[in-house]
N, C-alpha and C. Protein backbone atom coordinates (compact mmCIF):
# COMPACT_ATOMS: atom_id res chain seq x y z
N MET A 1 -4.21 47.24 -9.74
CA MET A 1 -5.04 46.95 -10.89
C MET A 1 -5.23 45.44 -10.99
N ARG A 2 -6.45 45.02 -11.15
CA ARG A 2 -6.78 43.61 -11.25
C ARG A 2 -6.50 43.10 -12.66
N PRO A 3 -5.99 41.85 -12.74
CA PRO A 3 -5.74 41.29 -14.07
C PRO A 3 -7.06 41.04 -14.78
N GLY A 4 -7.05 41.28 -16.06
CA GLY A 4 -8.24 41.06 -16.87
C GLY A 4 -8.35 39.61 -17.31
N LYS A 5 -9.46 39.32 -17.93
CA LYS A 5 -9.74 37.97 -18.40
C LYS A 5 -8.64 37.50 -19.37
N ASP A 6 -8.21 38.36 -20.26
CA ASP A 6 -7.17 38.00 -21.22
C ASP A 6 -5.84 37.71 -20.53
N ASP A 7 -5.52 38.48 -19.49
CA ASP A 7 -4.28 38.25 -18.74
C ASP A 7 -4.29 36.88 -18.07
N VAL A 8 -5.41 36.52 -17.49
CA VAL A 8 -5.54 35.22 -16.82
C VAL A 8 -5.42 34.08 -17.83
N LEU A 9 -6.10 34.21 -18.96
CA LEU A 9 -6.05 33.17 -19.99
C LEU A 9 -4.63 33.02 -20.56
N ASN A 10 -3.95 34.13 -20.78
CA ASN A 10 -2.57 34.08 -21.28
C ASN A 10 -1.66 33.37 -20.28
N GLU A 11 -1.82 33.68 -19.00
CA GLU A 11 -1.02 33.03 -17.96
C GLU A 11 -1.31 31.53 -17.90
N LEU A 12 -2.56 31.15 -18.02
CA LEU A 12 -2.93 29.73 -18.04
C LEU A 12 -2.32 29.01 -19.25
N ARG A 13 -2.33 29.67 -20.40
CA ARG A 13 -1.72 29.08 -21.60
C ARG A 13 -0.22 28.88 -21.39
N ARG A 14 0.43 29.88 -20.84
CA ARG A 14 1.87 29.82 -20.59
C ARG A 14 2.20 28.68 -19.63
N LEU A 15 1.44 28.56 -18.55
CA LEU A 15 1.66 27.49 -17.57
C LEU A 15 1.38 26.11 -18.16
N THR A 16 0.37 26.03 -19.00
CA THR A 16 0.03 24.75 -19.65
C THR A 16 1.16 24.30 -20.56
N VAL A 17 1.67 25.20 -21.37
CA VAL A 17 2.78 24.87 -22.27
C VAL A 17 3.99 24.43 -21.46
N ARG A 18 4.28 25.13 -20.39
CA ARG A 18 5.42 24.80 -19.54
C ARG A 18 5.27 23.41 -18.91
N LEU A 19 4.08 23.12 -18.41
CA LEU A 19 3.81 21.82 -17.80
C LEU A 19 3.88 20.70 -18.84
N GLN A 20 3.31 20.92 -20.02
CA GLN A 20 3.36 19.91 -21.07
C GLN A 20 4.79 19.64 -21.50
N SER A 21 5.59 20.67 -21.59
CA SER A 21 6.98 20.52 -21.97
C SER A 21 7.73 19.67 -20.95
N LYS A 22 7.54 19.96 -19.67
CA LYS A 22 8.22 19.19 -18.62
C LYS A 22 7.75 17.75 -18.59
N SER A 23 6.46 17.52 -18.72
CA SER A 23 5.94 16.15 -18.66
C SER A 23 6.40 15.35 -19.87
N ALA A 24 6.51 15.97 -21.04
CA ALA A 24 6.97 15.26 -22.23
C ALA A 24 8.43 14.85 -22.07
N VAL A 25 9.25 15.72 -21.51
CA VAL A 25 10.65 15.39 -21.28
C VAL A 25 10.75 14.26 -20.27
N SER A 26 10.00 14.32 -19.19
CA SER A 26 10.04 13.28 -18.17
C SER A 26 9.59 11.94 -18.74
N PHE A 27 8.51 11.95 -19.53
CA PHE A 27 8.01 10.72 -20.12
C PHE A 27 9.03 10.14 -21.09
N ALA A 28 9.67 10.99 -21.88
CA ALA A 28 10.68 10.52 -22.83
C ALA A 28 11.87 9.90 -22.07
N ALA A 29 12.26 10.51 -20.97
CA ALA A 29 13.36 9.98 -20.16
C ALA A 29 12.98 8.64 -19.56
N LEU A 30 11.76 8.51 -19.09
CA LEU A 30 11.29 7.23 -18.53
C LEU A 30 11.31 6.14 -19.59
N GLN A 31 10.82 6.45 -20.77
CA GLN A 31 10.80 5.46 -21.84
C GLN A 31 12.21 5.05 -22.24
N LYS A 32 13.12 6.01 -22.28
CA LYS A 32 14.49 5.73 -22.68
C LYS A 32 15.18 4.81 -21.68
N ASN A 33 14.95 5.04 -20.39
CA ASN A 33 15.65 4.30 -19.35
C ASN A 33 14.93 3.04 -18.88
N ALA A 34 13.70 2.85 -19.31
CA ALA A 34 12.93 1.69 -18.86
C ALA A 34 13.42 0.44 -19.58
N ALA A 35 13.72 -0.57 -18.81
CA ALA A 35 14.11 -1.85 -19.39
C ALA A 35 12.85 -2.69 -19.52
N PRO A 36 12.57 -3.21 -20.70
CA PRO A 36 11.35 -4.00 -20.86
C PRO A 36 11.46 -5.31 -20.10
N LEU A 37 10.37 -5.74 -19.52
CA LEU A 37 10.34 -7.01 -18.83
C LEU A 37 10.24 -8.13 -19.85
N GLU A 38 11.03 -9.14 -19.66
CA GLU A 38 10.92 -10.34 -20.48
C GLU A 38 9.62 -11.01 -20.09
N ALA A 39 8.85 -11.40 -21.06
CA ALA A 39 7.59 -12.08 -20.77
C ALA A 39 7.89 -13.50 -20.30
N ALA A 40 7.33 -13.88 -19.20
CA ALA A 40 7.49 -15.23 -18.68
C ALA A 40 6.28 -15.54 -17.82
N THR A 41 5.88 -16.79 -17.84
CA THR A 41 4.67 -17.20 -17.13
C THR A 41 4.95 -17.36 -15.64
N THR A 42 4.40 -16.44 -14.85
CA THR A 42 4.46 -16.51 -13.40
C THR A 42 3.30 -15.70 -12.84
N SER A 43 2.89 -16.04 -11.65
CA SER A 43 1.80 -15.29 -11.02
C SER A 43 2.34 -14.20 -10.10
N SER A 44 3.66 -14.09 -10.00
CA SER A 44 4.28 -13.15 -9.07
C SER A 44 5.06 -12.07 -9.81
N LEU A 45 4.64 -10.83 -9.65
CA LEU A 45 5.37 -9.72 -10.26
C LEU A 45 6.78 -9.63 -9.69
N GLU A 46 6.94 -9.84 -8.41
CA GLU A 46 8.27 -9.79 -7.79
C GLU A 46 9.18 -10.89 -8.34
N ALA A 47 8.63 -12.07 -8.56
CA ALA A 47 9.41 -13.16 -9.15
C ALA A 47 9.84 -12.78 -10.57
N LEU A 48 8.94 -12.17 -11.32
CA LEU A 48 9.25 -11.74 -12.68
C LEU A 48 10.35 -10.68 -12.68
N LYS A 49 10.27 -9.75 -11.73
CA LYS A 49 11.32 -8.72 -11.63
C LYS A 49 12.67 -9.35 -11.31
N SER A 50 12.69 -10.30 -10.40
CA SER A 50 13.94 -10.98 -10.05
C SER A 50 14.47 -11.77 -11.25
N PHE A 51 13.57 -12.43 -11.97
CA PHE A 51 13.93 -13.18 -13.18
C PHE A 51 14.59 -12.26 -14.20
N ASN A 52 14.00 -11.11 -14.44
CA ASN A 52 14.56 -10.16 -15.40
C ASN A 52 15.89 -9.59 -14.95
N ALA A 53 16.01 -9.33 -13.66
CA ALA A 53 17.31 -8.87 -13.12
C ALA A 53 18.36 -9.95 -13.33
N ALA A 54 17.99 -11.20 -13.12
CA ALA A 54 18.92 -12.31 -13.31
C ALA A 54 19.35 -12.40 -14.77
N ARG A 55 18.41 -12.22 -15.69
CA ARG A 55 18.75 -12.27 -17.12
C ARG A 55 19.75 -11.19 -17.49
N ARG A 56 19.61 -10.01 -16.89
CA ARG A 56 20.57 -8.92 -17.18
C ARG A 56 21.94 -9.22 -16.58
N GLN A 57 21.99 -9.98 -15.49
CA GLN A 57 23.25 -10.28 -14.81
C GLN A 57 24.00 -11.47 -15.42
N THR A 58 23.34 -12.28 -16.21
CA THR A 58 23.90 -13.54 -16.67
C THR A 58 25.30 -13.39 -17.26
N TYR A 59 25.53 -12.39 -18.05
CA TYR A 59 26.83 -12.27 -18.73
C TYR A 59 27.87 -11.51 -17.91
N SER A 60 27.44 -10.72 -16.95
CA SER A 60 28.41 -9.96 -16.16
C SER A 60 28.76 -10.65 -14.85
N SER A 61 27.80 -11.33 -14.25
CA SER A 61 28.06 -12.01 -12.98
C SER A 61 27.15 -13.22 -12.84
N ARG A 62 27.68 -14.36 -13.23
CA ARG A 62 26.88 -15.58 -13.19
C ARG A 62 26.44 -15.91 -11.77
N ALA A 63 27.29 -15.65 -10.77
CA ALA A 63 26.93 -15.94 -9.38
C ALA A 63 25.73 -15.10 -8.94
N ASP A 64 25.74 -13.81 -9.29
CA ASP A 64 24.59 -12.94 -8.96
C ASP A 64 23.34 -13.40 -9.70
N SER A 65 23.53 -13.82 -10.93
CA SER A 65 22.41 -14.29 -11.73
C SER A 65 21.77 -15.52 -11.09
N ILE A 66 22.57 -16.45 -10.65
CA ILE A 66 22.07 -17.66 -9.99
C ILE A 66 21.29 -17.30 -8.74
N LEU A 67 21.81 -16.38 -7.95
CA LEU A 67 21.10 -15.96 -6.73
C LEU A 67 19.75 -15.34 -7.06
N LEU A 68 19.70 -14.54 -8.11
CA LEU A 68 18.43 -13.91 -8.50
C LEU A 68 17.43 -14.92 -9.04
N TYR A 69 17.90 -15.92 -9.79
CA TYR A 69 16.98 -16.98 -10.25
C TYR A 69 16.43 -17.75 -9.05
N LYS A 70 17.30 -18.04 -8.09
CA LYS A 70 16.85 -18.74 -6.88
C LYS A 70 15.80 -17.92 -6.14
N ARG A 71 16.02 -16.63 -6.08
CA ARG A 71 15.06 -15.74 -5.42
C ARG A 71 13.71 -15.77 -6.14
N ALA A 72 13.75 -15.74 -7.47
CA ALA A 72 12.51 -15.81 -8.25
C ALA A 72 11.76 -17.11 -7.96
N ILE A 73 12.51 -18.19 -7.83
CA ILE A 73 11.90 -19.49 -7.54
C ILE A 73 11.34 -19.54 -6.13
N GLU A 74 12.01 -18.88 -5.18
CA GLU A 74 11.47 -18.81 -3.82
C GLU A 74 10.13 -18.08 -3.81
N MET A 75 10.01 -17.04 -4.62
CA MET A 75 8.77 -16.27 -4.69
C MET A 75 7.67 -17.02 -5.44
N ASP A 76 8.06 -17.82 -6.42
CA ASP A 76 7.09 -18.62 -7.19
C ASP A 76 7.74 -19.96 -7.53
N PRO A 77 7.55 -20.96 -6.68
CA PRO A 77 8.16 -22.28 -6.91
C PRO A 77 7.72 -22.95 -8.21
N GLU A 78 6.61 -22.47 -8.80
CA GLU A 78 6.09 -23.04 -10.05
C GLU A 78 6.57 -22.28 -11.29
N PHE A 79 7.54 -21.42 -11.14
CA PHE A 79 8.05 -20.56 -12.22
C PHE A 79 9.01 -21.38 -13.09
N ALA A 80 8.45 -22.01 -14.10
CA ALA A 80 9.20 -22.94 -14.95
C ALA A 80 10.42 -22.29 -15.62
N MET A 81 10.24 -21.09 -16.16
CA MET A 81 11.35 -20.44 -16.86
C MET A 81 12.50 -20.09 -15.92
N ALA A 82 12.19 -19.75 -14.69
CA ALA A 82 13.26 -19.47 -13.73
C ALA A 82 14.05 -20.75 -13.46
N HIS A 83 13.35 -21.87 -13.32
CA HIS A 83 14.03 -23.16 -13.14
C HIS A 83 14.90 -23.48 -14.36
N ALA A 84 14.36 -23.25 -15.56
CA ALA A 84 15.11 -23.55 -16.78
C ALA A 84 16.36 -22.70 -16.90
N HIS A 85 16.23 -21.41 -16.63
CA HIS A 85 17.40 -20.52 -16.74
C HIS A 85 18.41 -20.80 -15.62
N LEU A 86 17.91 -21.14 -14.45
CA LEU A 86 18.83 -21.53 -13.37
C LEU A 86 19.61 -22.76 -13.79
N GLY A 87 18.92 -23.73 -14.36
CA GLY A 87 19.59 -24.93 -14.86
C GLY A 87 20.62 -24.62 -15.92
N ARG A 88 20.28 -23.72 -16.83
CA ARG A 88 21.23 -23.32 -17.88
C ARG A 88 22.47 -22.68 -17.28
N ASN A 89 22.27 -21.81 -16.26
CA ASN A 89 23.40 -21.16 -15.60
C ASN A 89 24.25 -22.16 -14.84
N TYR A 90 23.62 -23.11 -14.18
CA TYR A 90 24.38 -24.16 -13.50
C TYR A 90 25.19 -24.97 -14.50
N ALA A 91 24.59 -25.32 -15.64
CA ALA A 91 25.31 -26.08 -16.66
C ALA A 91 26.51 -25.29 -17.17
N ASP A 92 26.34 -24.00 -17.38
CA ASP A 92 27.45 -23.16 -17.84
C ASP A 92 28.53 -23.01 -16.77
N SER A 93 28.15 -23.21 -15.51
CA SER A 93 29.10 -23.12 -14.40
C SER A 93 29.66 -24.49 -14.02
N VAL A 94 29.39 -25.49 -14.85
CA VAL A 94 29.86 -26.86 -14.67
C VAL A 94 29.33 -27.48 -13.36
N GLU A 95 28.11 -27.16 -13.03
CA GLU A 95 27.40 -27.75 -11.89
C GLU A 95 26.34 -28.68 -12.45
N GLN A 96 26.78 -29.80 -13.03
CA GLN A 96 25.89 -30.66 -13.81
C GLN A 96 24.75 -31.26 -13.00
N LYS A 97 25.00 -31.66 -11.76
CA LYS A 97 23.94 -32.24 -10.94
C LYS A 97 22.85 -31.20 -10.65
N LEU A 98 23.26 -29.99 -10.25
CA LEU A 98 22.29 -28.92 -9.99
C LEU A 98 21.57 -28.51 -11.26
N ALA A 99 22.30 -28.51 -12.37
CA ALA A 99 21.70 -28.17 -13.66
C ALA A 99 20.60 -29.18 -14.00
N ALA A 100 20.90 -30.45 -13.85
CA ALA A 100 19.93 -31.49 -14.18
C ALA A 100 18.68 -31.38 -13.31
N GLU A 101 18.85 -31.10 -12.03
CA GLU A 101 17.71 -30.96 -11.12
C GLU A 101 16.81 -29.79 -11.53
N SER A 102 17.43 -28.65 -11.83
CA SER A 102 16.65 -27.46 -12.21
C SER A 102 15.93 -27.66 -13.53
N ILE A 103 16.62 -28.23 -14.49
CA ILE A 103 16.02 -28.44 -15.81
C ILE A 103 14.91 -29.49 -15.72
N ARG A 104 15.11 -30.51 -14.93
CA ARG A 104 14.06 -31.52 -14.73
C ARG A 104 12.81 -30.88 -14.13
N ARG A 105 13.01 -30.01 -13.15
CA ARG A 105 11.87 -29.32 -12.52
C ARG A 105 11.15 -28.44 -13.54
N ALA A 106 11.90 -27.72 -14.35
CA ALA A 106 11.30 -26.87 -15.39
C ALA A 106 10.49 -27.73 -16.36
N TYR A 107 11.04 -28.87 -16.72
CA TYR A 107 10.35 -29.75 -17.66
C TYR A 107 9.03 -30.25 -17.08
N LEU A 108 9.03 -30.56 -15.80
CA LEU A 108 7.80 -31.02 -15.14
C LEU A 108 6.74 -29.92 -15.07
N LEU A 109 7.18 -28.66 -15.04
CA LEU A 109 6.26 -27.51 -14.93
C LEU A 109 5.85 -26.95 -16.29
N ARG A 110 6.33 -27.50 -17.37
CA ARG A 110 6.13 -26.90 -18.69
C ARG A 110 4.69 -26.90 -19.17
N GLY A 111 3.79 -27.61 -18.50
CA GLY A 111 2.39 -27.64 -18.91
C GLY A 111 1.67 -26.32 -18.73
N SER A 112 2.22 -25.41 -17.94
CA SER A 112 1.54 -24.14 -17.68
C SER A 112 2.24 -22.95 -18.33
N VAL A 113 3.05 -23.21 -19.35
CA VAL A 113 3.81 -22.13 -19.99
C VAL A 113 3.36 -21.93 -21.44
N THR A 114 3.86 -20.87 -22.04
CA THR A 114 3.56 -20.59 -23.44
C THR A 114 4.35 -21.55 -24.34
N ASP A 115 4.00 -21.59 -25.60
CA ASP A 115 4.72 -22.44 -26.55
C ASP A 115 6.19 -22.04 -26.64
N LYS A 116 6.45 -20.75 -26.64
CA LYS A 116 7.84 -20.26 -26.72
C LYS A 116 8.64 -20.72 -25.50
N GLU A 117 8.05 -20.61 -24.32
CA GLU A 117 8.73 -21.06 -23.10
C GLU A 117 8.92 -22.57 -23.12
N ASN A 118 7.91 -23.30 -23.57
CA ASN A 118 7.99 -24.75 -23.66
C ASN A 118 9.14 -25.16 -24.57
N TYR A 119 9.28 -24.47 -25.68
CA TYR A 119 10.38 -24.75 -26.61
C TYR A 119 11.73 -24.54 -25.92
N PHE A 120 11.88 -23.43 -25.22
CA PHE A 120 13.14 -23.14 -24.51
C PHE A 120 13.44 -24.22 -23.48
N ILE A 121 12.43 -24.59 -22.70
CA ILE A 121 12.63 -25.60 -21.65
C ILE A 121 13.02 -26.95 -22.28
N THR A 122 12.32 -27.34 -23.33
CA THR A 122 12.61 -28.61 -23.99
C THR A 122 14.00 -28.60 -24.60
N LEU A 123 14.42 -27.47 -25.09
CA LEU A 123 15.75 -27.32 -25.67
C LEU A 123 16.86 -27.55 -24.65
N GLN A 124 16.57 -27.33 -23.37
CA GLN A 124 17.59 -27.49 -22.32
C GLN A 124 17.92 -28.95 -22.03
N LEU A 125 17.04 -29.86 -22.46
CA LEU A 125 17.25 -31.29 -22.16
C LEU A 125 18.44 -31.86 -22.90
């Protein structure tokens, strides 16, 4: 016996509800686990990702954080905020000469950043 029009429509409704339910759960899980990117002025998405990873590492592993900031700077040498945060991490690690170099570089690059970033960079002096 062939399914009738009503049988087909009911099956489509059932499948639609099932698919919507699964996609809503998946979307909710993605939103819950997604870490927001810190806004920072750079032309490189990869540099921004490395910068954000470094920010998350700052309190748990300063050495890893420094490596990630350096990586962000390798990807975008003009990334002022990465220079500023690297300088801050060096200063906290008592590497005053390296801190001064990084912060000086950030200060020289501050012309291409937002007001908020400029404030942070100037605060490091």
